Amino acid sequence: MTDDMDIPTETLSETEHYMIWASEEPDGETVYHIDLGLATIHFFAEEFEEFLSLVRGVRRL
């Protein structure tokens, strides 16, 4: 097996305890990952956009 299977990743946001990052999968799909301590949630692009809309709906000014 070679290193050709390395999947490019990018950290989008990070705090002391949490992180959101994206990976470019071999099939060209971008997957978003939200690391919340021991749990990681994985979203495809359309799901991630819906999740962001949900979070924006609960933001308080």
PDB file of N, CA and C in Angstrom:
ATOM      1  N   MET A   1       0.851  -1.181   0.000  1.00  0.00           N
ATOM      2  CA  MET A   1       0.000   0.000   0.000  1.00  0.00           C
ATOM      3  C   MET A   1       0.894   1.242   0.000  1.00  0.00           C
ATOM      4  N   THR A   2       0.490   2.256  -0.742  1.00  0.00           N
ATOM      5  CA  THR A   2       1.273   3.481  -0.830  1.00  0.00           C
ATOM      6  C   THR A   2       0.604   4.598  -0.052  1.00  0.00           C
ATOM      7  N   ASP A   3       1.266   5.746  -0.009  1.00  0.00           N
ATOM      8  CA  ASP A   3       0.702   6.909   0.662  1.00  0.00           C
ATOM      9  C   ASP A   3      -0.279   7.661  -0.221  1.00  0.00           C
ATOM     10  N   ASP A   4      -0.630   7.110  -1.394  1.00  0.00           N
ATOM     11  CA  ASP A   4      -1.559   7.772  -2.298  1.00  0.00           C
ATOM     12  C   ASP A   4      -2.949   7.921  -1.684  1.00  0.00           C
ATOM     13  N   MET A   5      -3.229   7.228  -0.600  1.00  0.00           N
ATOM     14  CA  MET A   5      -4.546   7.269   0.025  1.00  0.00           C
ATOM     15  C   MET A   5      -4.652   8.397   1.061  1.00  0.00           C
ATOM     16  N   ASP A   6      -3.633   9.254   1.182  1.00  0.00           N
ATOM     17  CA  ASP A   6      -3.727  10.378   2.102  1.00  0.00           C
ATOM     18  C   ASP A   6      -4.877  11.273   1.681  1.00  0.00           C
ATOM     19  N   ILE A   7      -5.722  11.604   2.629  1.00  0.00           N
ATOM     20  CA  ILE A   7      -6.887  12.434   2.360  1.00  0.00           C
ATOM     21  C   ILE A   7      -6.585  13.836   2.855  1.00  0.00           C
ATOM     22  N   PRO A   8      -6.659  14.844   1.972  1.00  0.00           N
ATOM     23  CA  PRO A   8      -6.386  16.215   2.397  1.00  0.00           C
ATOM     24  C   PRO A   8      -7.434  16.699   3.395  1.00  0.00           C
ATOM     25  N   THR A   9      -6.986  17.373   4.437  1.00  0.00           N
ATOM     26  CA  THR A   9      -7.890  17.917   5.454  1.00  0.00           C
ATOM     27  C   THR A   9      -7.562  19.390   5.693  1.00  0.00           C
ATOM     28  N   GLU A  10      -8.552  20.098   6.221  1.00  0.00           N
ATOM     29  CA  GLU A  10      -8.376  21.511   6.557  1.00  0.00           C
ATOM     30  C   GLU A  10      -9.139  21.800   7.847  1.00  0.00           C
ATOM     31  N   THR A  11      -8.474  22.385   8.826  1.00  0.00           N
ATOM     32  CA  THR A  11      -9.133  22.809  10.050  1.00  0.00           C
ATOM     33  C   THR A  11      -9.877  24.101   9.765  1.00  0.00           C
ATOM     34  N   LEU A  12     -11.191  24.118  10.032  1.00  0.00           N
ATOM     35  CA  LEU A  12     -12.020  25.287   9.751  1.00  0.00           C
ATOM     36  C   LEU A  12     -12.191  26.181  10.966  1.00  0.00           C
ATOM     37  N   SER A  13     -12.258  25.571  12.145  1.00  0.00           N
ATOM     38  CA  SER A  13     -12.406  26.318  13.391  1.00  0.00           C
ATOM     39  C   SER A  13     -11.984  25.420  14.538  1.00  0.00           C
ATOM     40  N   GLU A  14     -11.426  26.037  15.578  1.00  0.00           N
ATOM     41  CA  GLU A  14     -10.925  25.233  16.687  1.00  0.00           C
ATOM     42  C   GLU A  14     -10.942  26.060  17.967  1.00  0.00           C
ATOM     43  N   THR A  15     -11.364  25.426  19.053  1.00  0.00           N
ATOM     44  CA  THR A  15     -11.270  26.017  20.381  1.00  0.00           C
ATOM     45  C   THR A  15     -10.427  25.070  21.226  1.00  0.00           C
ATOM     46  N   GLU A  16     -10.352  25.343  22.496  1.00  0.00           N
ATOM     47  CA  GLU A  16      -9.553  24.489  23.374  1.00  0.00           C
ATOM     48  C   GLU A  16     -10.062  23.043  23.393  1.00  0.00           C
ATOM     49  N   HIS A  17     -11.380  22.866  23.280  1.00  0.00           N
ATOM     50  CA  HIS A  17     -11.966  21.530  23.423  1.00  0.00           C
ATOM     51  C   HIS A  17     -12.675  20.990  22.181  1.00  0.00           C
ATOM     52  N   TYR A  18     -12.949  21.823  21.191  1.00  0.00           N
ATOM     53  CA  TYR A  18     -13.738  21.415  20.039  1.00  0.00           C
ATOM     54  C   TYR A  18     -13.043  21.796  18.736  1.00  0.00           C
ATOM     55  N   MET A  19     -13.406  21.094  17.663  1.00  0.00           N
ATOM     56  CA  MET A  19     -12.813  21.398  16.366  1.00  0.00           C
ATOM     57  C   MET A  19     -13.791  21.038  15.253  1.00  0.00           C
ATOM     58  N   ILE A  20     -13.782  21.848  14.199  1.00  0.00           N
ATOM     59  CA  ILE A  20     -14.511  21.551  12.964  1.00  0.00           C
ATOM     60  C   ILE A  20     -13.484  21.513  11.849  1.00  0.00           C
ATOM     61  N   TRP A  21     -13.499  20.410  11.103  1.00  0.00           N
ATOM     62  CA  TRP A  21     -12.535  20.266  10.011  1.00  0.00           C
ATOM     63  C   TRP A  21     -13.206  19.610   8.823  1.00  0.00           C
ATOM     64  N   ALA A  22     -12.601  19.776   7.653  1.00  0.00           N
ATOM     65  CA  ALA A  22     -13.152  19.219   6.418  1.00  0.00           C
ATOM     66  C   ALA A  22     -12.126  18.311   5.776  1.00  0.00           C
ATOM     67  N   SER A  23     -12.630  17.289   5.097  1.00  0.00           N
ATOM     68  CA  SER A  23     -11.753  16.382   4.348  1.00  0.00           C
ATOM     69  C   SER A  23     -12.271  16.268   2.926  1.00  0.00           C
ATOM     70  N   GLU A  24     -11.337  16.165   2.001  1.00  0.00           N
ATOM     71  CA  GLU A  24     -11.672  15.966   0.581  1.00  0.00           C
ATOM     72  C   GLU A  24     -11.505  14.478   0.305  1.00  0.00           C
ATOM     73  N   GLU A  25     -12.621  13.777   0.179  1.00  0.00           N
ATOM     74  CA  GLU A  25     -12.599  12.328   0.013  1.00  0.00           C
ATOM     75  C   GLU A  25     -12.128  11.951  -1.395  1.00  0.00           C
ATOM     76  N   PRO A  26     -11.641  10.717  -1.568  1.00  0.00           N
ATOM     77  CA  PRO A  26     -11.144  10.286  -2.885  1.00  0.00           C
ATOM     78  C   PRO A  26     -12.168  10.411  -4.017  1.00  0.00           C
ATOM     79  N   ASP A  27     -13.464  10.350  -3.682  1.00  0.00           N
ATOM     80  CA  ASP A  27     -14.495  10.467  -4.720  1.00  0.00           C
ATOM     81  C   ASP A  27     -14.841  11.929  -5.038  1.00  0.00           C
ATOM     82  N   GLY A  28     -14.118  12.879  -4.406  1.00  0.00           N
ATOM     83  CA  GLY A  28     -14.343  14.294  -4.655  1.00  0.00           C
ATOM     84  C   GLY A  28     -15.324  14.950  -3.709  1.00  0.00           C
ATOM     85  N   GLU A  29     -15.980  14.172  -2.876  1.00  0.00           N
ATOM     86  CA  GLU A  29     -16.957  14.692  -1.917  1.00  0.00           C
ATOM     87  C   GLU A  29     -16.223  15.347  -0.743  1.00  0.00           C
ATOM     88  N   THR A  30     -16.694  16.518  -0.316  1.00  0.00           N
ATOM     89  CA  THR A  30     -16.177  17.146   0.896  1.00  0.00           C
ATOM     90  C   THR A  30     -17.011  16.672   2.060  1.00  0.00           C
ATOM     91  N   VAL A  31     -16.345  16.219   3.123  1.00  0.00           N
ATOM     92  CA  VAL A  31     -17.023  15.783   4.333  1.00  0.00           C
ATOM     93  C   VAL A  31     -16.573  16.702   5.464  1.00  0.00           C
ATOM     94  N   TYR A  32     -17.545  17.178   6.251  1.00  0.00           N
ATOM     95  CA  TYR A  32     -17.266  18.054   7.383  1.00  0.00           C
ATOM     96  C   TYR A  32     -17.373  17.239   8.660  1.00  0.00           C
ATOM     97  N   HIS A  33     -16.459  17.479   9.583  1.00  0.00           N
ATOM     98  CA  HIS A  33     -16.364  16.719  10.828  1.00  0.00           C
ATOM     99  C   HIS A  33     -16.404  17.695  11.993  1.00  0.00           C
ATOM    100  N   ILE A  34     -17.254  17.416  12.964  1.00  0.00           N
ATOM    101  CA  ILE A  34     -17.329  18.230  14.168  1.00  0.00           C
ATOM    102  C   ILE A  34     -16.902  17.335  15.322  1.00  0.00           C
ATOM    103  N   ASP A  35     -15.759  17.648  15.923  1.00  0.00           N
ATOM    104  CA  ASP A  35     -15.238  16.889  17.061  1.00  0.00           C
ATOM    105  C   ASP A  35     -15.695  17.575  18.336  1.00  0.00           C
ATOM    106  N   LEU A  36     -16.497  16.859  19.131  1.00  0.00           N
ATOM    107  CA  LEU A  36     -17.039  17.368  20.388  1.00  0.00           C
ATOM    108  C   LEU A  36     -16.603  16.443  21.510  1.00  0.00           C
ATOM    109  N   GLY A  37     -15.380  16.574  21.950  1.00  0.00           N
ATOM    110  CA  GLY A  37     -14.871  15.685  22.980  1.00  0.00           C
ATOM    111  C   GLY A  37     -14.754  14.272  22.444  1.00  0.00           C
ATOM    112  N   LEU A  38     -15.503  13.353  23.026  1.00  0.00           N
ATOM    113  CA  LEU A  38     -15.436  11.950  22.617  1.00  0.00           C
ATOM    114  C   LEU A  38     -16.287  11.630  21.400  1.00  0.00           C
ATOM    115  N   ALA A  39     -17.110  12.563  20.967  1.00  0.00           N
ATOM    116  CA  ALA A  39     -18.006  12.317  19.823  1.00  0.00           C
ATOM    117  C   ALA A  39     -17.550  13.107  18.600  1.00  0.00           C
ATOM    118  N   THR A  40     -17.667  12.481  17.437  1.00  0.00           N
ATOM    119  CA  THR A  40     -17.419  13.161  16.172  1.00  0.00           C
ATOM    120  C   THR A  40     -18.635  12.973  15.291  1.00  0.00           C
ATOM    121  N   ILE A  41     -19.132  14.076  14.727  1.00  0.00           N
ATOM    122  CA  ILE A  41     -20.268  14.040  13.821  1.00  0.00           C
ATOM    123  C   ILE A  41     -19.744  14.326  12.419  1.00  0.00           C
ATOM    124  N   HIS A  42     -20.166  13.517  11.449  1.00  0.00           N
ATOM    125  CA  HIS A  42     -19.715  13.660  10.067  1.00  0.00           C
ATOM    126  C   HIS A  42     -20.894  14.101   9.204  1.00  0.00           C
ATOM    127  N   PHE A  43     -20.673  15.125   8.370  1.00  0.00           N
ATOM    128  CA  PHE A  43     -21.710  15.649   7.495  1.00  0.00           C
ATOM    129  C   PHE A  43     -21.199  15.729   6.062  1.00  0.00           C
ATOM    130  N   PHE A  44     -22.037  15.365   5.097  1.00  0.00           N
ATOM    131  CA  PHE A  44     -21.770  15.712   3.708  1.00  0.00           C
ATOM    132  C   PHE A  44     -22.105  17.193   3.556  1.00  0.00           C
ATOM    133  N   ALA A  45     -21.687  17.806   2.464  1.00  0.00           N
ATOM    134  CA  ALA A  45     -21.811  19.262   2.285  1.00  0.00           C
ATOM    135  C   ALA A  45     -23.244  19.760   2.491  1.00  0.00           C
ATOM    136  N   GLU A  46     -24.228  19.093   1.885  1.00  0.00           N
ATOM    137  CA  GLU A  46     -25.617  19.547   2.004  1.00  0.00           C
ATOM    138  C   GLU A  46     -26.101  19.455   3.452  1.00  0.00           C
ATOM    139  N   GLU A  47     -25.715  18.401   4.137  1.00  0.00           N
ATOM    140  CA  GLU A  47     -26.104  18.229   5.542  1.00  0.00           C
ATOM    141  C   GLU A  47     -25.454  19.285   6.422  1.00  0.00           C
ATOM    142  N   PHE A  48     -24.206  19.607   6.134  1.00  0.00           N
ATOM    143  CA  PHE A  48     -23.483  20.602   6.916  1.00  0.00           C
ATOM    144  C   PHE A  48     -24.130  21.979   6.762  1.00  0.00           C
ATOM    145  N   GLU A  49     -24.543  22.324   5.549  1.00  0.00           N
ATOM    146  CA  GLU A  49     -25.228  23.597   5.327  1.00  0.00           C
ATOM    147  C   GLU A  49     -26.527  23.657   6.131  1.00  0.00           C
ATOM    148  N   GLU A  50     -27.267  22.556   6.166  1.00  0.00           N
ATOM    149  CA  GLU A  50     -28.504  22.518   6.950  1.00  0.00           C
ATOM    150  C   GLU A  50     -28.204  22.655   8.438  1.00  0.00           C
ATOM    151  N   PHE A  51     -27.138  21.990   8.902  1.00  0.00           N
ATOM    152  CA  PHE A  51     -26.729  22.095  10.307  1.00  0.00           C
ATOM    153  C   PHE A  51     -26.369  23.536  10.651  1.00  0.00           C
ATOM    154  N   LEU A  52     -25.631  24.223   9.772  1.00  0.00           N
ATOM    155  CA  LEU A  52     -25.276  25.619  10.021  1.00  0.00           C
ATOM    156  C   LEU A  52     -26.512  26.493  10.112  1.00  0.00           C
ATOM    157  N   SER A  53     -27.508  26.234   9.269  1.00  0.00           N
ATOM    158  CA  SER A  53     -28.767  26.981   9.345  1.00  0.00           C
ATOM    159  C   SER A  53     -29.446  26.752  10.684  1.00  0.00           C
ATOM    160  N   LEU A  54     -29.411  25.535  11.160  1.00  0.00           N
ATOM    161  CA  LEU A  54     -29.993  25.207  12.456  1.00  0.00           C
ATOM    162  C   LEU A  54     -29.303  25.981  13.572  1.00  0.00           C
ATOM    163  N   VAL A  55     -27.972  25.996  13.562  1.00  0.00           N
ATOM    164  CA  VAL A  55     -27.206  26.690  14.601  1.00  0.00           C
ATOM    165  C   VAL A  55     -27.463  28.189  14.535  1.00  0.00           C
ATOM    166  N   ARG A  56     -27.510  28.744  13.337  1.00  0.00           N
ATOM    167  CA  ARG A  56     -27.797  30.181  13.197  1.00  0.00           C
ATOM    168  C   ARG A  56     -29.177  30.521  13.788  1.00  0.00           C
ATOM    169  N   GLY A  57     -30.087  29.583  13.733  1.00  0.00           N
ATOM    170  CA  GLY A  57     -31.435  29.812  14.258  1.00  0.00           C
ATOM    171  C   GLY A  57     -31.500  29.928  15.765  1.00  0.00           C
ATOM    172  N   VAL A  58     -30.501  29.428  16.464  1.00  0.00           N
ATOM    173  CA  VAL A  58     -30.518  29.486  17.936  1.00  0.00           C
ATOM    174  C   VAL A  58     -29.555  30.513  18.492  1.00  0.00           C
ATOM    175  N   ARG A  59     -28.820  31.193  17.638  1.00  0.00           N
ATOM    176  CA  ARG A  59     -27.902  32.228  18.110  1.00  0.00           C
ATOM    177  C   ARG A  59     -28.683  33.372  18.725  1.00  0.00           C
ATOM    178  N   ARG A  60     -28.196  33.860  19.833  1.00  0.00           N
ATOM    179  CA  ARG A  60     -28.817  35.000  20.490  1.00  0.00           C
ATOM    180  C   ARG A  60     -27.898  36.196  20.381  1.00  0.00           C
ATOM    181  N   LEU A  61     -28.471  37.323  20.081  1.00  0.00           N
ATOM    182  CA  LEU A  61     -27.670  38.545  19.943  1.00  0.00           C
ATOM    183  C   LEU A  61     -27.572  39.289  21.230  1.00  0.00           C
TER     184      LEU A  61
END
